[in-house]
């Protein structure tokens, strides 16, 4: 049986090192704009090459998050950030192509909201709830990003049924 990947957030170098030291298989982090963790210290675009090299030396995957809505007056700045990040990281550091994520919170049986993601045909998905786990796992590689706690009983039930983990 293949166990899911342990994915951890890392808002700065200290958090990144702590995540890796505690067994993270992968980490995700943002830069100073267009990410949902604006209160974190975050990395600078200029550091991304160093961050990815450090992670890969330790056989840990890194994901740059770009996980906020972009408004029409922000498109040029958003595109510039993506281009700068690609240049800073380098083609050899991309984790297997383009990976997409759906909304973190949806109501049960709202799998219809995943159709735009499915039509995009990405190389993989960041799954965040039970509907996404059920619908996207057969389509492409998936990395889970959801809390295993009683506040999310649907995800816990799916996880236990599919992976048999009780610890």
N, C-alpha and C. Protein backbone atom coordinates (compact mmCIF):
# COMPACT_ATOMS: atom_id res chain seq x y z
N UNK A 1 0.85 -1.17 0.00
CA UNK A 1 0.00 0.00 0.00
C UNK A 1 0.90 1.24 0.00
N UNK A 2 0.57 2.21 -0.84
CA UNK A 2 1.28 3.47 -0.89
C UNK A 2 0.60 4.46 0.04
N UNK A 3 1.35 5.03 0.94
CA UNK A 3 0.78 6.01 1.86
C UNK A 3 0.76 7.39 1.21
N UNK A 4 -0.19 8.23 1.59
CA UNK A 4 -0.23 9.59 1.06
C UNK A 4 1.02 10.37 1.47
N UNK A 5 1.30 11.37 0.70
CA UNK A 5 2.44 12.24 0.97
C UNK A 5 2.10 13.19 2.12
N UNK A 6 3.05 13.41 3.02
CA UNK A 6 2.88 14.38 4.10
C UNK A 6 3.30 15.74 3.56
N UNK A 7 2.35 16.65 3.44
CA UNK A 7 2.56 17.98 2.88
C UNK A 7 2.41 19.00 4.00
N UNK A 8 3.40 19.87 4.15
CA UNK A 8 3.39 20.83 5.26
C UNK A 8 3.57 22.25 4.74
N UNK A 9 2.89 23.23 5.37
CA UNK A 9 3.14 24.63 5.01
C UNK A 9 4.48 25.09 5.59
N UNK A 10 5.09 26.06 4.92
CA UNK A 10 6.35 26.61 5.41
C UNK A 10 6.38 28.09 5.06
N UNK A 11 6.18 28.94 6.04
CA UNK A 11 6.11 30.37 5.80
C UNK A 11 7.45 31.09 5.79
N UNK A 12 8.52 30.41 6.22
CA UNK A 12 9.84 31.02 6.23
C UNK A 12 10.88 29.90 6.38
N UNK A 13 12.16 30.27 6.42
CA UNK A 13 13.22 29.26 6.50
C UNK A 13 13.11 28.40 7.76
N UNK A 14 12.79 29.00 8.90
CA UNK A 14 12.67 28.21 10.13
C UNK A 14 11.56 27.16 10.01
N UNK A 15 10.42 27.57 9.47
CA UNK A 15 9.30 26.63 9.29
C UNK A 15 9.66 25.55 8.26
N UNK A 16 10.36 25.93 7.20
CA UNK A 16 10.77 24.98 6.18
C UNK A 16 11.68 23.91 6.78
N UNK A 17 12.66 24.35 7.54
CA UNK A 17 13.60 23.40 8.16
C UNK A 17 12.90 22.52 9.17
N UNK A 18 11.96 23.08 9.94
CA UNK A 18 11.22 22.28 10.92
C UNK A 18 10.34 21.24 10.24
N UNK A 19 9.69 21.62 9.14
CA UNK A 19 8.83 20.67 8.41
C UNK A 19 9.66 19.49 7.90
N UNK A 20 10.80 19.77 7.31
CA UNK A 20 11.66 18.71 6.78
C UNK A 20 12.21 17.85 7.91
N UNK A 21 12.65 18.48 9.00
CA UNK A 21 13.18 17.73 10.14
C UNK A 21 12.15 16.81 10.76
N UNK A 22 10.87 17.16 10.62
CA UNK A 22 9.81 16.36 11.21
C UNK A 22 9.12 15.44 10.22
N UNK A 23 9.74 15.19 9.07
CA UNK A 23 9.28 14.15 8.18
C UNK A 23 8.41 14.56 7.01
N UNK A 24 8.30 15.84 6.71
CA UNK A 24 7.48 16.23 5.56
C UNK A 24 8.07 15.66 4.28
N UNK A 25 7.22 15.10 3.44
CA UNK A 25 7.63 14.63 2.11
C UNK A 25 7.65 15.79 1.13
N UNK A 26 6.85 16.81 1.41
CA UNK A 26 6.74 17.97 0.55
C UNK A 26 6.32 19.16 1.40
N UNK A 27 6.66 20.36 0.93
CA UNK A 27 6.25 21.58 1.61
C UNK A 27 5.67 22.53 0.58
N UNK A 28 4.80 23.40 1.05
CA UNK A 28 4.29 24.46 0.17
C UNK A 28 4.51 25.80 0.85
N UNK A 29 4.73 26.81 0.03
CA UNK A 29 5.08 28.12 0.55
C UNK A 29 4.71 29.17 -0.48
N UNK A 30 4.64 30.39 -0.01
CA UNK A 30 4.30 31.48 -0.89
C UNK A 30 5.39 32.52 -0.93
N UNK A 31 5.19 33.50 -1.79
CA UNK A 31 6.06 34.66 -1.83
C UNK A 31 5.24 35.85 -1.35
N UNK A 32 5.77 37.03 -1.49
CA UNK A 32 5.15 38.19 -0.86
C UNK A 32 3.81 38.62 -1.45
N UNK A 33 3.35 37.99 -2.50
CA UNK A 33 2.07 38.38 -3.11
C UNK A 33 1.34 37.14 -3.62
N UNK A 34 0.04 37.25 -3.74
CA UNK A 34 -0.81 36.22 -4.34
C UNK A 34 -0.72 34.87 -3.63
N UNK A 35 -0.73 34.91 -2.32
CA UNK A 35 -0.88 33.65 -1.59
C UNK A 35 -1.74 33.93 -0.36
N UNK A 36 -2.35 32.89 0.17
CA UNK A 36 -3.33 33.04 1.23
C UNK A 36 -2.71 33.25 2.61
N UNK A 37 -1.40 33.20 2.69
CA UNK A 37 -0.74 33.36 3.99
C UNK A 37 0.07 34.66 4.02
N UNK A 38 -0.62 35.77 3.87
CA UNK A 38 0.03 37.06 3.83
C UNK A 38 0.65 37.46 5.17
N UNK A 39 0.18 36.86 6.26
CA UNK A 39 0.75 37.21 7.57
C UNK A 39 2.04 36.46 7.86
N UNK A 40 2.34 35.44 7.05
CA UNK A 40 3.61 34.73 7.22
C UNK A 40 4.74 35.61 6.69
N UNK A 41 5.94 35.30 7.11
CA UNK A 41 7.09 36.06 6.60
C UNK A 41 7.22 35.88 5.09
N UNK A 42 7.01 34.65 4.61
CA UNK A 42 7.08 34.28 3.20
C UNK A 42 8.50 34.43 2.65
N UNK A 43 8.70 33.82 1.51
CA UNK A 43 9.99 33.87 0.85
C UNK A 43 9.98 34.98 -0.20
N UNK A 44 11.16 35.43 -0.58
CA UNK A 44 11.29 36.37 -1.69
C UNK A 44 11.49 35.56 -2.97
N UNK A 45 11.04 36.08 -4.08
CA UNK A 45 11.21 35.37 -5.35
C UNK A 45 12.68 35.02 -5.56
N UNK A 46 13.57 35.91 -5.19
CA UNK A 46 15.00 35.67 -5.39
C UNK A 46 15.50 34.46 -4.61
N UNK A 47 14.79 34.04 -3.56
CA UNK A 47 15.20 32.89 -2.75
C UNK A 47 14.71 31.56 -3.28
N UNK A 48 13.81 31.56 -4.25
CA UNK A 48 13.16 30.31 -4.65
C UNK A 48 14.13 29.26 -5.18
N UNK A 49 15.11 29.66 -5.94
CA UNK A 49 16.11 28.71 -6.42
C UNK A 49 16.84 28.04 -5.27
N UNK A 50 17.24 28.84 -4.29
CA UNK A 50 17.93 28.31 -3.11
C UNK A 50 17.02 27.39 -2.30
N UNK A 51 15.76 27.79 -2.14
CA UNK A 51 14.79 26.97 -1.40
C UNK A 51 14.62 25.62 -2.08
N UNK A 52 14.39 25.62 -3.40
CA UNK A 52 14.16 24.36 -4.12
C UNK A 52 15.40 23.48 -4.12
N UNK A 53 16.59 24.07 -4.26
CA UNK A 53 17.82 23.29 -4.21
C UNK A 53 17.98 22.64 -2.84
N UNK A 54 17.73 23.42 -1.76
CA UNK A 54 17.84 22.89 -0.40
C UNK A 54 16.87 21.72 -0.21
N UNK A 55 15.63 21.88 -0.69
CA UNK A 55 14.64 20.82 -0.55
C UNK A 55 15.04 19.57 -1.33
N UNK A 56 15.45 19.75 -2.57
CA UNK A 56 15.79 18.59 -3.41
C UNK A 56 17.02 17.86 -2.91
N UNK A 57 17.95 18.56 -2.28
CA UNK A 57 19.10 17.89 -1.67
C UNK A 57 18.65 16.94 -0.56
N UNK A 58 17.49 17.21 0.01
CA UNK A 58 16.94 16.39 1.09
C UNK A 58 15.81 15.48 0.60
N UNK A 59 15.65 15.42 -0.71
CA UNK A 59 14.61 14.59 -1.35
C UNK A 59 13.20 14.97 -0.91
N UNK A 60 12.97 16.27 -0.77
CA UNK A 60 11.66 16.82 -0.38
C UNK A 60 11.18 17.67 -1.54
N UNK A 61 9.91 17.53 -1.87
CA UNK A 61 9.34 18.31 -2.96
C UNK A 61 8.85 19.66 -2.43
N UNK A 62 8.91 20.67 -3.28
CA UNK A 62 8.46 22.01 -2.91
C UNK A 62 7.40 22.50 -3.87
N UNK A 63 6.39 23.16 -3.34
CA UNK A 63 5.29 23.71 -4.14
C UNK A 63 5.16 25.19 -3.84
N UNK A 64 5.24 26.01 -4.85
CA UNK A 64 4.99 27.43 -4.71
C UNK A 64 3.50 27.65 -4.83
N UNK A 65 2.89 28.26 -3.82
CA UNK A 65 1.45 28.50 -3.86
C UNK A 65 1.14 29.82 -4.55
N UNK A 66 0.07 29.80 -5.23
CA UNK A 66 -0.47 30.99 -5.92
C UNK A 66 -1.97 30.82 -5.77
N UNK A 67 -2.46 30.94 -4.52
CA UNK A 67 -3.78 30.44 -4.19
C UNK A 67 -4.73 31.50 -3.68
N UNK A 68 -4.87 32.56 -4.45
CA UNK A 68 -5.87 33.58 -4.16
C UNK A 68 -6.54 33.97 -5.47
N UNK A 69 -7.68 34.60 -5.36
CA UNK A 69 -8.33 35.13 -6.55
C UNK A 69 -7.50 36.28 -7.11
N UNK A 70 -7.41 36.34 -8.41
CA UNK A 70 -6.70 37.44 -9.08
C UNK A 70 -7.75 38.26 -9.82
N UNK A 71 -7.79 39.53 -9.51
CA UNK A 71 -8.75 40.43 -10.15
C UNK A 71 -8.16 40.98 -11.44
N UNK A 72 -9.02 41.47 -12.31
CA UNK A 72 -8.58 41.90 -13.63
C UNK A 72 -7.50 42.97 -13.58
N UNK A 73 -7.55 43.85 -12.60
CA UNK A 73 -6.52 44.89 -12.52
C UNK A 73 -5.20 44.36 -11.95
N UNK A 74 -5.16 43.08 -11.54
CA UNK A 74 -3.95 42.46 -11.01
C UNK A 74 -3.31 41.47 -11.99
N UNK A 75 -3.92 41.26 -13.15
CA UNK A 75 -3.45 40.22 -14.07
C UNK A 75 -2.00 40.42 -14.50
N UNK A 76 -1.64 41.63 -14.84
CA UNK A 76 -0.27 41.87 -15.30
C UNK A 76 0.75 41.57 -14.20
N UNK A 77 0.45 42.03 -12.99
CA UNK A 77 1.35 41.75 -11.86
C UNK A 77 1.41 40.25 -11.55
N UNK A 78 0.27 39.57 -11.63
CA UNK A 78 0.24 38.12 -11.38
C UNK A 78 1.06 37.37 -12.42
N UNK A 79 0.90 37.73 -13.69
CA UNK A 79 1.68 37.08 -14.75
C UNK A 79 3.17 37.32 -14.54
N UNK A 80 3.54 38.53 -14.15
CA UNK A 80 4.95 38.85 -13.90
C UNK A 80 5.52 37.99 -12.77
N UNK A 81 4.71 37.76 -11.73
CA UNK A 81 5.16 36.93 -10.62
C UNK A 81 5.40 35.49 -11.08
N UNK A 82 4.48 34.94 -11.85
CA UNK A 82 4.63 33.57 -12.33
C UNK A 82 5.88 33.44 -13.20
N UNK A 83 6.11 34.39 -14.08
CA UNK A 83 7.29 34.37 -14.95
C UNK A 83 8.57 34.48 -14.12
N UNK A 84 8.58 35.39 -13.16
CA UNK A 84 9.75 35.55 -12.30
C UNK A 84 10.00 34.30 -11.46
N UNK A 85 8.95 33.69 -10.95
CA UNK A 85 9.10 32.46 -10.16
C UNK A 85 9.67 31.33 -11.02
N UNK A 86 9.16 31.19 -12.24
CA UNK A 86 9.67 30.15 -13.14
C UNK A 86 11.15 30.37 -13.44
N UNK A 87 11.53 31.62 -13.65
CA UNK A 87 12.94 31.92 -13.92
C UNK A 87 13.81 31.65 -12.70
N UNK A 88 13.31 32.01 -11.51
CA UNK A 88 14.09 31.83 -10.28
C UNK A 88 14.25 30.37 -9.92
N UNK A 89 13.21 29.59 -10.11
CA UNK A 89 13.25 28.18 -9.75
C UNK A 89 13.97 27.37 -10.80
N UNK A 90 13.72 27.64 -12.07
CA UNK A 90 14.33 26.88 -13.15
C UNK A 90 13.46 25.70 -13.54
N UNK A 91 13.47 25.35 -14.81
CA UNK A 91 12.61 24.28 -15.32
C UNK A 91 12.85 22.95 -14.61
N UNK A 92 14.06 22.65 -14.23
CA UNK A 92 14.36 21.36 -13.62
C UNK A 92 13.77 21.17 -12.24
N UNK A 93 13.24 22.24 -11.66
CA UNK A 93 12.70 22.13 -10.31
C UNK A 93 11.18 21.98 -10.26
N UNK A 94 10.48 22.08 -11.37
CA UNK A 94 9.02 21.95 -11.33
C UNK A 94 8.65 20.53 -10.95
N UNK A 95 7.70 20.36 -10.04
CA UNK A 95 7.35 19.02 -9.54
C UNK A 95 6.42 18.27 -10.48
N UNK A 96 6.89 17.92 -11.66
CA UNK A 96 6.09 17.08 -12.54
C UNK A 96 5.04 17.83 -13.33
N UNK A 97 5.20 19.10 -13.57
CA UNK A 97 4.26 19.83 -14.40
C UNK A 97 3.32 20.72 -13.61
N UNK A 98 2.14 20.92 -14.17
CA UNK A 98 1.15 21.82 -13.58
C UNK A 98 0.21 21.03 -12.67
N UNK A 99 0.06 21.48 -11.45
CA UNK A 99 -0.85 20.87 -10.48
C UNK A 99 -1.87 21.92 -10.10
N UNK A 100 -3.14 21.51 -9.98
CA UNK A 100 -4.22 22.44 -9.64
C UNK A 100 -4.92 22.00 -8.37
N UNK A 101 -5.54 22.97 -7.71
CA UNK A 101 -6.30 22.70 -6.48
C UNK A 101 -7.67 23.34 -6.58
N UNK A 102 -8.66 22.65 -6.06
CA UNK A 102 -10.00 23.20 -5.97
C UNK A 102 -10.17 23.99 -4.69
N UNK A 103 -11.37 24.42 -4.47
CA UNK A 103 -11.68 25.17 -3.26
C UNK A 103 -11.43 24.30 -2.03
N UNK A 104 -10.97 24.93 -0.96
CA UNK A 104 -10.72 24.17 0.27
C UNK A 104 -12.03 23.67 0.87
N UNK A 105 -13.05 24.48 0.84
CA UNK A 105 -14.31 24.11 1.48
C UNK A 105 -15.41 24.04 0.43
N UNK A 106 -16.08 22.91 0.39
CA UNK A 106 -17.28 22.76 -0.43
C UNK A 106 -18.28 21.97 0.40
N UNK A 107 -19.52 22.03 0.01
CA UNK A 107 -20.53 21.21 0.67
C UNK A 107 -20.46 19.80 0.13
N UNK A 108 -20.92 18.81 0.90
CA UNK A 108 -20.94 17.45 0.38
C UNK A 108 -21.70 17.39 -0.95
N UNK A 109 -21.23 16.56 -1.83
CA UNK A 109 -21.83 16.33 -3.15
C UNK A 109 -21.78 17.55 -4.07
N UNK A 110 -20.76 18.37 -3.91
CA UNK A 110 -20.55 19.48 -4.84
C UNK A 110 -19.39 19.18 -5.80
N UNK A 111 -19.27 17.91 -6.18
CA UNK A 111 -18.19 17.52 -7.08
C UNK A 111 -18.29 18.23 -8.42
N UNK A 112 -19.49 18.70 -8.79
CA UNK A 112 -19.66 19.44 -10.04
C UNK A 112 -18.72 20.64 -10.10
N UNK A 113 -18.35 21.18 -8.94
CA UNK A 113 -17.48 22.36 -8.93
C UNK A 113 -16.05 22.03 -9.39
N UNK A 114 -15.74 20.74 -9.52
CA UNK A 114 -14.41 20.33 -9.96
C UNK A 114 -14.27 20.24 -11.47
N UNK A 115 -15.36 20.38 -12.19
CA UNK A 115 -15.31 20.23 -13.64
C UNK A 115 -14.29 21.14 -14.33
N UNK A 116 -14.18 22.42 -13.96
CA UNK A 116 -13.14 23.24 -14.61
C UNK A 116 -11.73 22.69 -14.39
N UNK A 117 -11.46 22.16 -13.21
CA UNK A 117 -10.14 21.57 -12.94
C UNK A 117 -9.91 20.35 -13.82
N UNK A 118 -10.93 19.52 -13.93
CA UNK A 118 -10.80 18.30 -14.72
C UNK A 118 -10.58 18.63 -16.19
N UNK A 119 -11.32 19.61 -16.70
CA UNK A 119 -11.17 20.01 -18.10
C UNK A 119 -9.78 20.56 -18.40
N UNK A 120 -9.11 21.11 -17.41
CA UNK A 120 -7.78 21.68 -17.61
C UNK A 120 -6.71 20.59 -17.80
N UNK A 121 -7.02 19.36 -17.43
CA UNK A 121 -6.11 18.21 -17.58
C UNK A 121 -4.71 18.47 -17.01
N UNK A 122 -4.63 18.81 -15.73
CA UNK A 122 -3.31 19.05 -15.14
C UNK A 122 -2.54 17.74 -14.94
N UNK A 123 -1.29 17.87 -14.54
CA UNK A 123 -0.46 16.70 -14.27
C UNK A 123 -0.78 16.10 -12.89
N UNK A 124 -1.45 16.84 -12.04
CA UNK A 124 -1.81 16.35 -10.72
C UNK A 124 -2.72 17.34 -10.01
N UNK A 125 -3.25 16.90 -8.87
CA UNK A 125 -4.20 17.71 -8.10
C UNK A 125 -3.78 17.80 -6.64
N UNK A 126 -4.03 18.95 -6.05
CA UNK A 126 -3.95 19.12 -4.61
C UNK A 126 -5.39 18.95 -4.12
N UNK A 127 -5.66 17.86 -3.41
CA UNK A 127 -7.03 17.58 -2.97
C UNK A 127 -7.22 18.04 -1.54
N UNK A 128 -8.42 18.58 -1.26
CA UNK A 128 -8.65 19.22 0.02
C UNK A 128 -9.88 18.75 0.76
N UNK A 129 -10.67 17.87 0.18
CA UNK A 129 -11.85 17.38 0.89
C UNK A 129 -12.28 16.05 0.30
N UNK A 130 -13.29 15.44 0.88
CA UNK A 130 -13.70 14.09 0.49
C UNK A 130 -14.19 14.02 -0.95
N UNK A 131 -14.99 14.99 -1.41
CA UNK A 131 -15.44 14.97 -2.81
C UNK A 131 -14.26 15.00 -3.77
N UNK A 132 -13.27 15.83 -3.47
CA UNK A 132 -12.10 15.91 -4.34
C UNK A 132 -11.31 14.61 -4.31
N UNK A 133 -11.16 14.02 -3.14
CA UNK A 133 -10.46 12.75 -3.05
C UNK A 133 -11.14 11.69 -3.91
N UNK A 134 -12.45 11.61 -3.79
CA UNK A 134 -13.22 10.60 -4.52
C UNK A 134 -13.18 10.82 -6.03
N UNK A 135 -13.32 12.06 -6.45
CA UNK A 135 -13.46 12.37 -7.88
C UNK A 135 -12.12 12.47 -8.61
N UNK A 136 -11.08 13.02 -7.97
CA UNK A 136 -9.84 13.32 -8.67
C UNK A 136 -8.78 12.23 -8.58
N UNK A 137 -8.82 11.41 -7.52
CA UNK A 137 -7.80 10.38 -7.34
C UNK A 137 -7.68 9.45 -8.55
N UNK A 138 -8.78 9.03 -9.19
CA UNK A 138 -8.62 8.15 -10.36
C UNK A 138 -8.06 8.84 -11.60
N UNK A 139 -8.03 10.17 -11.63
CA UNK A 139 -7.69 10.89 -12.85
C UNK A 139 -6.22 11.23 -13.00
N UNK A 140 -5.53 11.49 -11.90
CA UNK A 140 -4.13 11.92 -11.94
C UNK A 140 -3.55 11.79 -10.54
N UNK A 141 -2.23 11.88 -10.41
CA UNK A 141 -1.64 11.85 -9.07
C UNK A 141 -2.23 12.97 -8.20
N UNK A 142 -2.37 12.67 -6.93
CA UNK A 142 -2.95 13.63 -6.00
C UNK A 142 -2.09 13.77 -4.75
N UNK A 143 -2.07 14.97 -4.22
CA UNK A 143 -1.43 15.24 -2.94
C UNK A 143 -2.53 15.79 -2.05
N UNK A 144 -2.67 15.24 -0.84
CA UNK A 144 -3.72 15.67 0.06
C UNK A 144 -3.32 16.87 0.89
N UNK A 145 -4.24 17.77 1.05
CA UNK A 145 -4.04 18.95 1.91
C UNK A 145 -5.32 19.15 2.70
N UNK A 146 -5.53 18.32 3.71
CA UNK A 146 -6.71 18.46 4.55
C UNK A 146 -6.38 18.01 5.95
N UNK A 147 -7.06 18.57 6.90
CA UNK A 147 -6.81 18.26 8.29
C UNK A 147 -7.52 16.97 8.66
N UNK A 148 -6.81 16.11 9.36
CA UNK A 148 -7.42 14.89 9.87
C UNK A 148 -7.86 15.16 11.30
N UNK A 149 -9.06 15.71 11.40
CA UNK A 149 -9.60 16.00 12.73
C UNK A 149 -11.12 15.87 12.68
N UNK A 150 -11.74 15.92 13.81
CA UNK A 150 -13.18 15.72 13.85
C UNK A 150 -13.96 16.85 13.21
N UNK A 151 -13.32 17.96 12.92
CA UNK A 151 -14.02 19.05 12.22
C UNK A 151 -14.21 18.71 10.75
N UNK A 152 -13.56 17.67 10.28
CA UNK A 152 -13.66 17.27 8.89
C UNK A 152 -13.98 15.77 8.81
N UNK A 153 -15.14 15.35 9.33
CA UNK A 153 -15.42 13.91 9.44
C UNK A 153 -15.54 13.21 8.09
N UNK A 154 -15.98 13.87 7.05
CA UNK A 154 -16.07 13.22 5.74
C UNK A 154 -14.70 12.83 5.22
N UNK A 155 -13.74 13.72 5.36
CA UNK A 155 -12.38 13.42 4.92
C UNK A 155 -11.77 12.32 5.77
N UNK A 156 -11.99 12.38 7.07
CA UNK A 156 -11.46 11.34 7.95
C UNK A 156 -12.04 9.99 7.58
N UNK A 157 -13.35 9.91 7.36
CA UNK A 157 -13.98 8.64 7.00
C UNK A 157 -13.40 8.11 5.69
N UNK A 158 -13.30 8.97 4.67
CA UNK A 158 -12.75 8.54 3.39
C UNK A 158 -11.32 8.04 3.57
N UNK A 159 -10.52 8.78 4.32
CA UNK A 159 -9.14 8.41 4.55
C UNK A 159 -9.05 7.04 5.22
N UNK A 160 -9.83 6.84 6.24
CA UNK A 160 -9.80 5.56 6.96
C UNK A 160 -10.27 4.41 6.07
N UNK A 161 -11.33 4.62 5.29
CA UNK A 161 -11.86 3.58 4.41
C UNK A 161 -10.86 3.22 3.31
N UNK A 162 -10.20 4.21 2.75
CA UNK A 162 -9.32 3.96 1.60
C UNK A 162 -7.89 3.61 1.98
N UNK A 163 -7.42 4.07 3.12
CA UNK A 163 -6.03 3.84 3.49
C UNK A 163 -5.89 2.94 4.71
N UNK A 164 -6.95 2.73 5.44
CA UNK A 164 -6.92 1.82 6.58
C UNK A 164 -6.00 2.27 7.71
N UNK A 165 -5.73 3.54 7.75
CA UNK A 165 -4.82 4.04 8.78
C UNK A 165 -5.62 4.37 10.03
N UNK A 166 -5.11 3.97 11.17
CA UNK A 166 -5.84 4.24 12.42
C UNK A 166 -5.01 5.04 13.40
N UNK A 167 -3.84 5.49 13.02
CA UNK A 167 -2.95 6.13 13.97
C UNK A 167 -2.99 7.59 13.92
